[in-house]
């Protein structure tokens, strides 16, 4: 069991592995994880605060607070706490104008 993430998976290790990319880095999750769970379990912050240097990890975890928006490399934003992670998903933690 990995204990390196911001959250730690305690059960359900028998689900299929899913690969996704966060800011160009390959990451792993389990099928059925939300994007937020996948990111936090892989040891990353969700994004940096727009009001300071602090890393953000989501807030309400139920789709009400607007704190977990991320960008897909294909364009539209998504709410990380309520979107299932999918194989090959390519996500960015910054706005498109800040992409390399």
N, C-alpha and C. Protein backbone atom coordinates (compact mmCIF):
# COMPACT_ATOMS: atom_id res chain seq x y z
N UNK A 1 0.84 -1.18 0.00
CA UNK A 1 0.00 0.00 0.00
C UNK A 1 0.88 1.24 0.00
N UNK A 2 0.56 2.20 -0.88
CA UNK A 2 1.32 3.45 -0.95
C UNK A 2 0.80 4.43 0.09
N UNK A 3 1.73 5.10 0.75
CA UNK A 3 1.35 6.12 1.72
C UNK A 3 1.99 7.46 1.36
N UNK A 4 2.29 7.66 0.07
CA UNK A 4 2.97 8.88 -0.35
C UNK A 4 2.01 9.98 -0.77
N UNK A 5 0.75 9.69 -0.99
CA UNK A 5 -0.19 10.68 -1.48
C UNK A 5 -0.78 11.54 -0.39
N UNK A 6 -1.52 12.55 -0.81
CA UNK A 6 -2.24 13.41 0.12
C UNK A 6 -3.40 12.67 0.74
N UNK A 7 -3.90 11.66 0.06
CA UNK A 7 -4.87 10.73 0.64
C UNK A 7 -4.29 9.34 0.47
N UNK A 8 -4.72 8.43 1.29
CA UNK A 8 -4.19 7.06 1.27
C UNK A 8 -5.33 6.09 1.03
N UNK A 9 -5.15 5.22 0.05
CA UNK A 9 -6.16 4.21 -0.28
C UNK A 9 -6.10 3.10 0.77
N UNK A 10 -7.22 2.82 1.40
CA UNK A 10 -7.27 1.79 2.44
C UNK A 10 -7.88 0.49 1.95
N UNK A 11 -8.73 0.54 0.94
CA UNK A 11 -9.39 -0.66 0.42
C UNK A 11 -9.49 -0.59 -1.09
N UNK A 12 -10.08 -1.60 -1.66
CA UNK A 12 -10.39 -1.69 -3.10
C UNK A 12 -9.15 -1.63 -3.99
N UNK A 13 -8.18 -2.45 -3.70
CA UNK A 13 -6.96 -2.50 -4.51
C UNK A 13 -7.12 -3.38 -5.75
N UNK A 14 -8.24 -4.09 -5.87
CA UNK A 14 -8.40 -5.07 -6.95
C UNK A 14 -9.04 -4.50 -8.21
N UNK A 15 -9.24 -3.19 -8.30
CA UNK A 15 -9.78 -2.59 -9.52
C UNK A 15 -8.68 -2.42 -10.56
N UNK A 16 -9.08 -2.36 -11.81
CA UNK A 16 -8.12 -2.22 -12.92
C UNK A 16 -7.37 -0.90 -12.82
N UNK A 17 -6.11 -0.93 -13.22
CA UNK A 17 -5.29 0.29 -13.24
C UNK A 17 -5.67 1.16 -14.44
N UNK A 18 -5.60 2.47 -14.24
CA UNK A 18 -5.88 3.46 -15.28
C UNK A 18 -4.69 4.43 -15.30
N UNK A 19 -4.20 4.73 -16.49
CA UNK A 19 -3.10 5.69 -16.64
C UNK A 19 -3.67 7.02 -17.12
N UNK A 20 -3.20 8.12 -16.55
CA UNK A 20 -3.59 9.45 -17.00
C UNK A 20 -2.37 10.36 -16.90
N UNK A 21 -2.47 11.55 -17.44
CA UNK A 21 -1.35 12.49 -17.45
C UNK A 21 -1.77 13.77 -16.73
N UNK A 22 -0.92 14.23 -15.84
CA UNK A 22 -1.15 15.48 -15.13
C UNK A 22 0.03 16.40 -15.41
N UNK A 23 -0.23 17.49 -16.09
CA UNK A 23 0.82 18.43 -16.49
C UNK A 23 1.96 17.71 -17.21
N UNK A 24 1.60 16.74 -18.06
CA UNK A 24 2.57 16.00 -18.85
C UNK A 24 3.20 14.81 -18.16
N UNK A 25 2.97 14.63 -16.87
CA UNK A 25 3.54 13.52 -16.12
C UNK A 25 2.55 12.35 -16.07
N UNK A 26 3.05 11.16 -16.39
CA UNK A 26 2.21 9.96 -16.36
C UNK A 26 1.90 9.58 -14.91
N UNK A 27 0.63 9.35 -14.62
CA UNK A 27 0.19 8.99 -13.27
C UNK A 27 -0.72 7.76 -13.36
N UNK A 28 -0.94 7.11 -12.23
CA UNK A 28 -1.80 5.93 -12.17
C UNK A 28 -2.96 6.16 -11.22
N UNK A 29 -4.05 5.50 -11.52
CA UNK A 29 -5.24 5.52 -10.67
C UNK A 29 -5.89 4.16 -10.77
N UNK A 30 -7.02 4.00 -10.14
CA UNK A 30 -7.81 2.78 -10.28
C UNK A 30 -9.13 3.13 -10.94
N UNK A 31 -9.62 2.24 -11.78
CA UNK A 31 -10.90 2.44 -12.45
C UNK A 31 -11.96 2.76 -11.42
N UNK A 32 -12.76 3.79 -11.70
CA UNK A 32 -13.80 4.22 -10.78
C UNK A 32 -13.41 5.37 -9.89
N UNK A 33 -12.10 5.70 -9.82
CA UNK A 33 -11.65 6.85 -9.05
C UNK A 33 -12.14 8.13 -9.71
N UNK A 34 -12.40 9.15 -8.91
CA UNK A 34 -12.61 10.47 -9.49
C UNK A 34 -11.25 11.06 -9.83
N UNK A 35 -11.23 12.07 -10.66
CA UNK A 35 -9.98 12.75 -10.99
C UNK A 35 -9.32 13.27 -9.72
N UNK A 36 -10.11 13.84 -8.82
CA UNK A 36 -9.56 14.36 -7.57
C UNK A 36 -8.89 13.27 -6.75
N UNK A 37 -9.55 12.15 -6.57
CA UNK A 37 -8.97 11.02 -5.83
C UNK A 37 -7.69 10.55 -6.50
N UNK A 38 -7.71 10.42 -7.82
CA UNK A 38 -6.54 9.96 -8.56
C UNK A 38 -5.34 10.89 -8.36
N UNK A 39 -5.58 12.19 -8.43
CA UNK A 39 -4.50 13.16 -8.28
C UNK A 39 -3.95 13.15 -6.86
N UNK A 40 -4.83 13.22 -5.88
CA UNK A 40 -4.37 13.28 -4.49
C UNK A 40 -3.70 11.98 -4.05
N UNK A 41 -4.19 10.84 -4.52
CA UNK A 41 -3.58 9.55 -4.16
C UNK A 41 -2.22 9.37 -4.82
N UNK A 42 -1.99 10.07 -5.94
CA UNK A 42 -0.70 9.94 -6.63
C UNK A 42 0.35 10.89 -6.06
N UNK A 43 0.00 11.65 -5.03
CA UNK A 43 0.97 12.50 -4.36
C UNK A 43 1.05 13.92 -4.86
N UNK A 44 0.14 14.32 -5.71
CA UNK A 44 0.16 15.67 -6.28
C UNK A 44 -0.87 16.56 -5.59
N UNK A 45 -0.66 17.85 -5.68
CA UNK A 45 -1.69 18.81 -5.31
C UNK A 45 -2.62 18.96 -6.51
N UNK A 46 -3.82 19.37 -6.24
CA UNK A 46 -4.78 19.57 -7.32
C UNK A 46 -4.37 20.73 -8.22
N UNK A 47 -3.99 21.83 -7.59
CA UNK A 47 -3.53 23.02 -8.31
C UNK A 47 -2.99 23.99 -7.28
N UNK A 48 -2.41 25.09 -7.73
CA UNK A 48 -1.98 26.14 -6.81
C UNK A 48 -3.10 27.16 -6.65
N UNK A 49 -3.14 27.78 -5.50
CA UNK A 49 -4.13 28.82 -5.24
C UNK A 49 -3.87 30.01 -6.15
N UNK A 50 -4.92 30.63 -6.63
CA UNK A 50 -4.74 31.84 -7.44
C UNK A 50 -4.47 33.07 -6.57
N UNK A 51 -4.58 32.91 -5.25
CA UNK A 51 -4.39 34.03 -4.33
C UNK A 51 -3.09 33.95 -3.55
N UNK A 52 -2.30 32.92 -3.77
CA UNK A 52 -1.04 32.77 -3.07
C UNK A 52 -0.31 31.53 -3.54
N UNK A 53 0.81 31.18 -2.94
CA UNK A 53 1.62 30.05 -3.40
C UNK A 53 1.17 28.69 -2.87
N UNK A 54 0.12 28.65 -2.08
CA UNK A 54 -0.27 27.40 -1.44
C UNK A 54 -0.89 26.41 -2.43
N UNK A 55 -0.53 25.13 -2.29
CA UNK A 55 -1.18 24.11 -3.11
C UNK A 55 -2.61 23.85 -2.61
N UNK A 56 -3.51 23.56 -3.54
CA UNK A 56 -4.90 23.28 -3.21
C UNK A 56 -5.17 21.79 -3.36
N UNK A 57 -6.10 21.28 -2.58
CA UNK A 57 -6.44 19.86 -2.63
C UNK A 57 -7.94 19.64 -2.75
N UNK A 58 -8.66 20.61 -3.28
CA UNK A 58 -10.11 20.54 -3.29
C UNK A 58 -10.63 21.03 -1.95
N UNK A 59 -11.92 21.29 -1.87
CA UNK A 59 -12.47 21.83 -0.63
C UNK A 59 -13.69 21.04 -0.17
N UNK A 60 -14.78 21.12 -0.92
CA UNK A 60 -16.01 20.48 -0.44
C UNK A 60 -16.10 19.00 -0.81
N UNK A 61 -15.40 18.61 -1.87
CA UNK A 61 -15.37 17.23 -2.38
C UNK A 61 -16.72 16.71 -2.84
N UNK A 62 -17.67 17.61 -3.15
CA UNK A 62 -18.99 17.17 -3.62
C UNK A 62 -19.54 18.04 -4.75
N UNK A 63 -18.72 18.87 -5.38
CA UNK A 63 -19.14 19.62 -6.55
C UNK A 63 -19.86 20.92 -6.28
N UNK A 64 -19.76 21.46 -5.09
CA UNK A 64 -20.48 22.69 -4.76
C UNK A 64 -19.60 23.94 -4.71
N UNK A 65 -18.31 23.80 -4.40
CA UNK A 65 -17.51 24.98 -4.06
C UNK A 65 -16.73 25.59 -5.21
N UNK A 66 -16.59 24.95 -6.34
CA UNK A 66 -15.84 25.46 -7.49
C UNK A 66 -14.32 25.45 -7.29
N UNK A 67 -13.80 24.76 -6.28
CA UNK A 67 -12.37 24.80 -5.97
C UNK A 67 -11.56 23.78 -6.76
N UNK A 68 -12.19 22.83 -7.42
CA UNK A 68 -11.43 21.73 -8.03
C UNK A 68 -11.43 21.74 -9.55
N UNK A 69 -11.68 22.88 -10.17
CA UNK A 69 -11.64 22.94 -11.63
C UNK A 69 -10.23 22.65 -12.15
N UNK A 70 -10.15 21.81 -13.18
CA UNK A 70 -8.92 21.52 -13.92
C UNK A 70 -9.22 21.68 -15.40
N UNK A 71 -8.19 21.68 -16.21
CA UNK A 71 -8.36 21.81 -17.65
C UNK A 71 -7.93 20.53 -18.34
N UNK A 72 -8.70 20.12 -19.33
CA UNK A 72 -8.31 19.02 -20.19
C UNK A 72 -7.48 19.60 -21.33
N UNK A 73 -6.48 18.88 -21.78
CA UNK A 73 -5.66 19.38 -22.89
C UNK A 73 -6.48 19.54 -24.16
N UNK A 74 -7.61 18.86 -24.24
CA UNK A 74 -8.47 18.99 -25.41
C UNK A 74 -9.38 20.19 -25.31
N UNK A 75 -9.30 20.95 -24.23
CA UNK A 75 -10.08 22.18 -24.15
C UNK A 75 -10.87 22.41 -22.88
N UNK A 76 -12.03 21.76 -22.73
CA UNK A 76 -12.93 22.16 -21.65
C UNK A 76 -12.41 21.86 -20.25
N UNK A 77 -12.88 22.67 -19.31
CA UNK A 77 -12.57 22.43 -17.90
C UNK A 77 -13.43 21.28 -17.39
N UNK A 78 -13.02 20.75 -16.26
CA UNK A 78 -13.83 19.73 -15.59
C UNK A 78 -13.73 19.90 -14.10
N UNK A 79 -14.71 19.40 -13.41
CA UNK A 79 -14.73 19.43 -11.95
C UNK A 79 -14.12 18.12 -11.47
N UNK A 80 -12.94 18.18 -10.85
CA UNK A 80 -12.18 16.98 -10.50
C UNK A 80 -12.89 16.10 -9.48
N UNK A 81 -13.68 16.69 -8.60
CA UNK A 81 -14.30 15.90 -7.53
C UNK A 81 -15.45 15.04 -8.01
N UNK A 82 -16.01 15.34 -9.19
CA UNK A 82 -17.16 14.57 -9.64
C UNK A 82 -16.98 13.95 -11.03
N UNK A 83 -15.77 14.03 -11.59
CA UNK A 83 -15.49 13.46 -12.90
C UNK A 83 -14.65 12.20 -12.74
N UNK A 84 -15.11 11.07 -13.29
CA UNK A 84 -14.30 9.85 -13.21
C UNK A 84 -13.04 9.97 -14.07
N UNK A 85 -11.94 9.47 -13.57
CA UNK A 85 -10.71 9.46 -14.36
C UNK A 85 -10.85 8.39 -15.44
N UNK A 86 -10.32 8.67 -16.63
CA UNK A 86 -10.40 7.71 -17.73
C UNK A 86 -9.01 7.45 -18.29
N UNK A 87 -8.85 6.32 -18.93
CA UNK A 87 -7.57 5.92 -19.50
C UNK A 87 -7.08 6.96 -20.50
N UNK A 88 -5.85 7.41 -20.32
CA UNK A 88 -5.22 8.35 -21.24
C UNK A 88 -5.61 9.80 -21.06
N UNK A 89 -6.46 10.10 -20.08
CA UNK A 89 -6.90 11.47 -19.84
C UNK A 89 -5.67 12.37 -19.66
N UNK A 90 -5.70 13.56 -20.30
CA UNK A 90 -4.59 14.50 -20.21
C UNK A 90 -5.11 15.78 -19.56
N UNK A 91 -4.59 16.05 -18.37
CA UNK A 91 -5.09 17.15 -17.55
C UNK A 91 -4.01 18.17 -17.26
N UNK A 92 -4.43 19.40 -17.05
CA UNK A 92 -3.54 20.49 -16.70
C UNK A 92 -4.07 21.21 -15.46
N UNK A 93 -3.14 21.64 -14.60
CA UNK A 93 -3.53 22.33 -13.38
C UNK A 93 -3.52 23.84 -13.54
N UNK A 94 -3.12 24.33 -14.71
CA UNK A 94 -3.10 25.76 -14.97
C UNK A 94 -3.96 26.08 -16.19
N UNK A 95 -4.28 27.34 -16.36
CA UNK A 95 -5.10 27.77 -17.49
C UNK A 95 -4.33 27.60 -18.80
N UNK A 96 -5.03 27.42 -19.92
CA UNK A 96 -4.36 27.18 -21.21
C UNK A 96 -3.32 28.23 -21.57
N UNK A 97 -3.53 29.48 -21.20
CA UNK A 97 -2.55 30.52 -21.57
C UNK A 97 -1.22 30.33 -20.85
N UNK A 98 -1.18 29.46 -19.82
CA UNK A 98 0.07 29.18 -19.10
C UNK A 98 0.73 27.86 -19.49
N UNK A 99 0.19 27.19 -20.52
CA UNK A 99 0.77 25.93 -20.96
C UNK A 99 2.01 26.18 -21.79
N UNK A 100 2.97 25.24 -21.73
CA UNK A 100 4.19 25.40 -22.55
C UNK A 100 3.89 25.28 -24.02
